[in-house]
Amino acid sequence: MAAAPKSQQKPIVFVVDDDISVRESLELMIKFAGWQPETFASAVDFLARPRTTTPSCLVLDVSLPDLNGLELQKLIASERTDMPIIFITGHGDVPMTVQAMKGGAVEFLIKPRDDEVLSRAIRHAIKRSAAVLDDQAEIVAR
């Protein structure tokens, strides 16, 4: 029997935020929506996690203690096209938003966040991730 397409695996929503209360509330929201949350306190912790071939997205805070969110985006955007990035921040401005969107972010949300808006953004990002992974699998299968 063939393995299920990547797009049918339980999606992972990665969260990188240095605020534990934000990580915990996002983890609950993500679980409630039926996705698998994985949370990290820093960009360095996230980078240490092996890559996945499961549909996923990254909910990323801009202000982080080591590597900030925009720097992390620069590091991973070109090699992880299958993992759309949704930024969340308490201290956003127009130049920061423009930089994030030009870097390929699918959304830029201000804290405190609206759970419904974030859920829609995650749903959209996961669909995009699944499509990229299915396309990549099709190319490899040729």
C-alpha atoms as a PDB file:
ATOM      1  CA  MET A   1       0.000   0.000   0.000  1.00  0.00           C
ATOM      2  CA  ALA A   2       1.342   3.453  -0.905  1.00  0.00           C
ATOM      3  CA  ALA A   3       1.999   6.040   1.764  1.00  0.00           C
ATOM      4  CA  ALA A   4      -0.543   8.819   2.194  1.00  0.00           C
ATOM      5  CA  PRO A   5       0.248  11.975   0.250  1.00  0.00           C
ATOM      6  CA  LYS A   6       2.086  14.569   2.327  1.00  0.00           C
ATOM      7  CA  SER A   7      -0.977  16.798   2.173  1.00  0.00           C
ATOM      8  CA  GLN A   8      -2.993  14.208   4.168  1.00  0.00           C
ATOM      9  CA  GLN A   9      -0.645  14.072   7.157  1.00  0.00           C
ATOM     10  CA  LYS A  10      -1.604  16.010  10.319  1.00  0.00           C
ATOM     11  CA  PRO A  11      -0.236  19.515   9.730  1.00  0.00           C
ATOM     12  CA  ILE A  12       2.331  20.984  12.106  1.00  0.00           C
ATOM     13  CA  VAL A  13       2.136  24.596  13.229  1.00  0.00           C
ATOM     14  CA  PHE A  14       5.518  25.742  14.506  1.00  0.00           C
ATOM     15  CA  VAL A  15       5.462  28.660  16.944  1.00  0.00           C
ATOM     16  CA  VAL A  16       8.584  30.675  17.765  1.00  0.00           C
ATOM     17  CA  ASP A  17       7.942  33.258  20.485  1.00  0.00           C
ATOM     18  CA  ASP A  18       9.998  34.099  23.565  1.00  0.00           C
ATOM     19  CA  ASP A  19       6.862  34.803  25.653  1.00  0.00           C
ATOM     20  CA  ILE A  20       5.755  31.566  27.341  1.00  0.00           C
ATOM     21  CA  SER A  21       2.168  32.794  27.803  1.00  0.00           C
ATOM     22  CA  VAL A  22       1.907  33.450  24.050  1.00  0.00           C
ATOM     23  CA  ARG A  23       3.370  30.013  23.253  1.00  0.00           C
ATOM     24  CA  GLU A  24       0.953  28.292  25.633  1.00  0.00           C
ATOM     25  CA  SER A  25      -2.149  30.105  24.357  1.00  0.00           C
ATOM     26  CA  LEU A  26      -1.160  29.469  20.733  1.00  0.00           C
ATOM     27  CA  GLU A  27      -0.494  25.810  21.528  1.00  0.00           C
ATOM     28  CA  LEU A  28      -4.044  25.438  22.914  1.00  0.00           C
ATOM     29  CA  MET A  29      -5.610  27.261  19.960  1.00  0.00           C
ATOM     30  CA  ILE A  30      -3.646  25.140  17.468  1.00  0.00           C
ATOM     31  CA  LYS A  31      -4.574  21.856  19.202  1.00  0.00           C
ATOM     32  CA  PHE A  32      -8.228  22.916  19.354  1.00  0.00           C
ATOM     33  CA  ALA A  33      -8.176  23.570  15.590  1.00  0.00           C
ATOM     34  CA  GLY A  34      -6.896  20.021  14.980  1.00  0.00           C
ATOM     35  CA  TRP A  35      -3.310  20.807  14.044  1.00  0.00           C
ATOM     36  CA  GLN A  36      -0.130  19.632  15.773  1.00  0.00           C
ATOM     37  CA  PRO A  37       1.670  22.458  17.617  1.00  0.00           C
ATOM     38  CA  GLU A  38       5.430  22.588  18.183  1.00  0.00           C
ATOM     39  CA  THR A  39       6.643  25.563  20.186  1.00  0.00           C
ATOM     40  CA  PHE A  40      10.089  27.111  20.577  1.00  0.00           C
ATOM     41  CA  ALA A  41      11.378  29.946  22.774  1.00  0.00           C
ATOM     42  CA  SER A  42      14.014  31.055  20.268  1.00  0.00           C
ATOM     43  CA  ALA A  43      14.995  30.949  16.621  1.00  0.00           C
ATOM     44  CA  VAL A  44      18.089  28.913  17.529  1.00  0.00           C
ATOM     45  CA  ASP A  45      15.899  26.242  19.192  1.00  0.00           C
ATOM     46  CA  PHE A  46      13.696  26.121  16.093  1.00  0.00           C
ATOM     47  CA  LEU A  47      16.684  25.810  13.737  1.00  0.00           C
ATOM     48  CA  ALA A  48      17.942  22.822  15.761  1.00  0.00           C
ATOM     49  CA  ARG A  49      14.776  20.853  14.906  1.00  0.00           C
ATOM     50  CA  PRO A  50      15.149  18.573  11.882  1.00  0.00           C
ATOM     51  CA  ARG A  51      13.139  19.562   8.821  1.00  0.00           C
ATOM     52  CA  THR A  52       9.795  17.920   8.178  1.00  0.00           C
ATOM     53  CA  THR A  53       8.022  16.833   5.015  1.00  0.00           C
ATOM     54  CA  THR A  54       4.632  17.312   6.663  1.00  0.00           C
ATOM     55  CA  PRO A  55       2.441  20.272   5.679  1.00  0.00           C
ATOM     56  CA  SER A  56       3.360  23.045   8.088  1.00  0.00           C
ATOM     57  CA  CYS A  57       3.629  26.740   8.731  1.00  0.00           C
ATOM     58  CA  LEU A  58       5.611  28.938  11.074  1.00  0.00           C
ATOM     59  CA  VAL A  59       3.984  31.458  13.416  1.00  0.00           C
ATOM     60  CA  LEU A  60       6.912  33.720  14.175  1.00  0.00           C
ATOM     61  CA  ASP A  61       7.412  36.624  16.563  1.00  0.00           C
ATOM     62  CA  VAL A  62       9.525  39.458  15.203  1.00  0.00           C
ATOM     63  CA  SER A  63      11.252  40.281  18.507  1.00  0.00           C
ATOM     64  CA  LEU A  64      13.318  37.320  19.679  1.00  0.00           C
ATOM     65  CA  PRO A  65      16.342  37.192  22.016  1.00  0.00           C
ATOM     66  CA  ASP A  66      18.973  35.723  19.684  1.00  0.00           C
ATOM     67  CA  LEU A  67      18.092  35.838  16.014  1.00  0.00           C
ATOM     68  CA  ASN A  68      15.054  38.048  15.424  1.00  0.00           C
ATOM     69  CA  GLY A  69      12.142  36.844  13.315  1.00  0.00           C
ATOM     70  CA  LEU A  70      13.136  38.784  10.215  1.00  0.00           C
ATOM     71  CA  GLU A  71      16.674  37.348  10.389  1.00  0.00           C
ATOM     72  CA  LEU A  72      15.260  33.825  10.781  1.00  0.00           C
ATOM     73  CA  GLN A  73      13.010  34.428   7.773  1.00  0.00           C
ATOM     74  CA  LYS A  74      16.055  35.398   5.673  1.00  0.00           C
ATOM     75  CA  LEU A  75      17.860  32.209   6.738  1.00  0.00           C
ATOM     76  CA  ILE A  76      15.064  29.789   5.904  1.00  0.00           C
ATOM     77  CA  ALA A  77      12.795  31.392   3.282  1.00  0.00           C
ATOM     78  CA  SER A  78      14.677  30.231   0.188  1.00  0.00           C
ATOM     79  CA  GLU A  79      15.214  26.634   1.322  1.00  0.00           C
ATOM     80  CA  ARG A  80      11.869  26.062   3.078  1.00  0.00           C
ATOM     81  CA  THR A  81       9.345  27.194   0.496  1.00  0.00           C
ATOM     82  CA  ASP A  82       7.027  24.467   1.827  1.00  0.00           C
ATOM     83  CA  MET A  83       6.710  26.271   5.202  1.00  0.00           C
ATOM     84  CA  PRO A  84       4.863  29.612   4.902  1.00  0.00           C
ATOM     85  CA  ILE A  85       5.576  32.194   7.616  1.00  0.00           C
ATOM     86  CA  ILE A  86       2.981  34.151   9.573  1.00  0.00           C
ATOM     87  CA  PHE A  87       4.480  36.964  11.647  1.00  0.00           C
ATOM     88  CA  ILE A  88       2.985  38.120  14.925  1.00  0.00           C
ATOM     89  CA  THR A  89       4.353  41.060  16.874  1.00  0.00           C
ATOM     90  CA  GLY A  90       3.485  43.508  19.580  1.00  0.00           C
ATOM     91  CA  HIS A  91       5.755  46.169  18.116  1.00  0.00           C
ATOM     92  CA  GLY A  92       5.243  46.278  14.364  1.00  0.00           C
ATOM     93  CA  ASP A  93       5.678  49.195  12.022  1.00  0.00           C
ATOM     94  CA  VAL A  94       5.229  49.721   8.301  1.00  0.00           C
ATOM     95  CA  PRO A  95       8.897  49.185   7.269  1.00  0.00           C
ATOM     96  CA  MET A  96       9.016  45.940   9.315  1.00  0.00           C
ATOM     97  CA  THR A  97       5.776  44.719   7.734  1.00  0.00           C
ATOM     98  CA  VAL A  98       7.026  45.557   4.235  1.00  0.00           C
ATOM     99  CA  GLN A  99      10.304  43.713   4.882  1.00  0.00           C
ATOM    100  CA  ALA A 100       8.449  40.624   6.149  1.00  0.00           C
ATOM    101  CA  MET A 101       6.025  40.565   3.215  1.00  0.00           C
ATOM    102  CA  LYS A 102       8.792  41.131   0.641  1.00  0.00           C
ATOM    103  CA  GLY A 103      10.596  38.211   2.283  1.00  0.00           C
ATOM    104  CA  GLY A 104       7.618  35.989   1.514  1.00  0.00           C
ATOM    105  CA  ALA A 105       5.524  36.113   4.699  1.00  0.00           C
ATOM    106  CA  VAL A 106       1.879  35.198   4.106  1.00  0.00           C
ATOM    107  CA  GLU A 107       0.571  37.380   6.947  1.00  0.00           C
ATOM    108  CA  PHE A 108       1.729  40.000   9.455  1.00  0.00           C
ATOM    109  CA  LEU A 109      -0.483  40.259  12.552  1.00  0.00           C
ATOM    110  CA  ILE A 110      -0.298  42.581  15.553  1.00  0.00           C
ATOM    111  CA  LYS A 111      -0.643  41.304  19.153  1.00  0.00           C
ATOM    112  CA  PRO A 112      -3.009  40.905  20.837  1.00  0.00           C
ATOM    113  CA  ARG A 113      -4.107  38.688  18.012  1.00  0.00           C
ATOM    114  CA  ASP A 114      -7.581  37.751  16.870  1.00  0.00           C
ATOM    115  CA  ASP A 115      -7.747  33.933  17.032  1.00  0.00           C
ATOM    116  CA  GLU A 116     -10.149  33.706  14.076  1.00  0.00           C
ATOM    117  CA  VAL A 117      -7.895  35.837  11.864  1.00  0.00           C
ATOM    118  CA  LEU A 118      -4.864  33.772  12.883  1.00  0.00           C
ATOM    119  CA  SER A 119      -6.741  30.486  12.319  1.00  0.00           C
ATOM    120  CA  ARG A 120      -7.691  31.599   8.798  1.00  0.00           C
ATOM    121  CA  ALA A 121      -4.083  32.576   8.100  1.00  0.00           C
ATOM    122  CA  ILE A 122      -2.824  29.198   9.381  1.00  0.00           C
ATOM    123  CA  ARG A 123      -5.419  27.301   7.336  1.00  0.00           C
ATOM    124  CA  HIS A 124      -4.364  29.206   4.197  1.00  0.00           C
ATOM    125  CA  ALA A 125      -0.643  28.658   4.942  1.00  0.00           C
ATOM    126  CA  ILE A 126      -1.118  24.909   5.494  1.00  0.00           C
ATOM    127  CA  LYS A 127      -3.011  24.554   2.192  1.00  0.00           C
ATOM    128  CA  ARG A 128      -0.138  26.338   0.488  1.00  0.00           C
ATOM    129  CA  SER A 129       2.407  24.090   2.227  1.00  0.00           C
ATOM    130  CA  ALA A 130       0.538  20.922   1.220  1.00  0.00           C
ATOM    131  CA  ALA A 131       0.388  22.069  -2.408  1.00  0.00           C
ATOM    132  CA  VAL A 132       4.144  22.771  -2.490  1.00  0.00           C
ATOM    133  CA  LEU A 133       4.949  19.401  -0.882  1.00  0.00           C
ATOM    134  CA  ASP A 134       2.667  17.542  -3.329  1.00  0.00           C
ATOM    135  CA  ASP A 135       4.304  19.367  -6.258  1.00  0.00           C
ATOM    136  CA  GLN A 136       7.775  18.491  -4.936  1.00  0.00           C
ATOM    137  CA  ALA A 137       6.758  14.811  -4.505  1.00  0.00           C
ATOM    138  CA  GLU A 138       5.387  14.749  -8.052  1.00  0.00           C
ATOM    139  CA  ILE A 139       8.667  16.131  -9.438  1.00  0.00           C
ATOM    140  CA  VAL A 140      10.681  13.535  -7.491  1.00  0.00           C
ATOM    141  CA  ALA A 141       8.395  10.720  -8.696  1.00  0.00           C
ATOM    142  CA  ARG A 142       9.044  11.519 -12.379  1.00  0.00           C
END
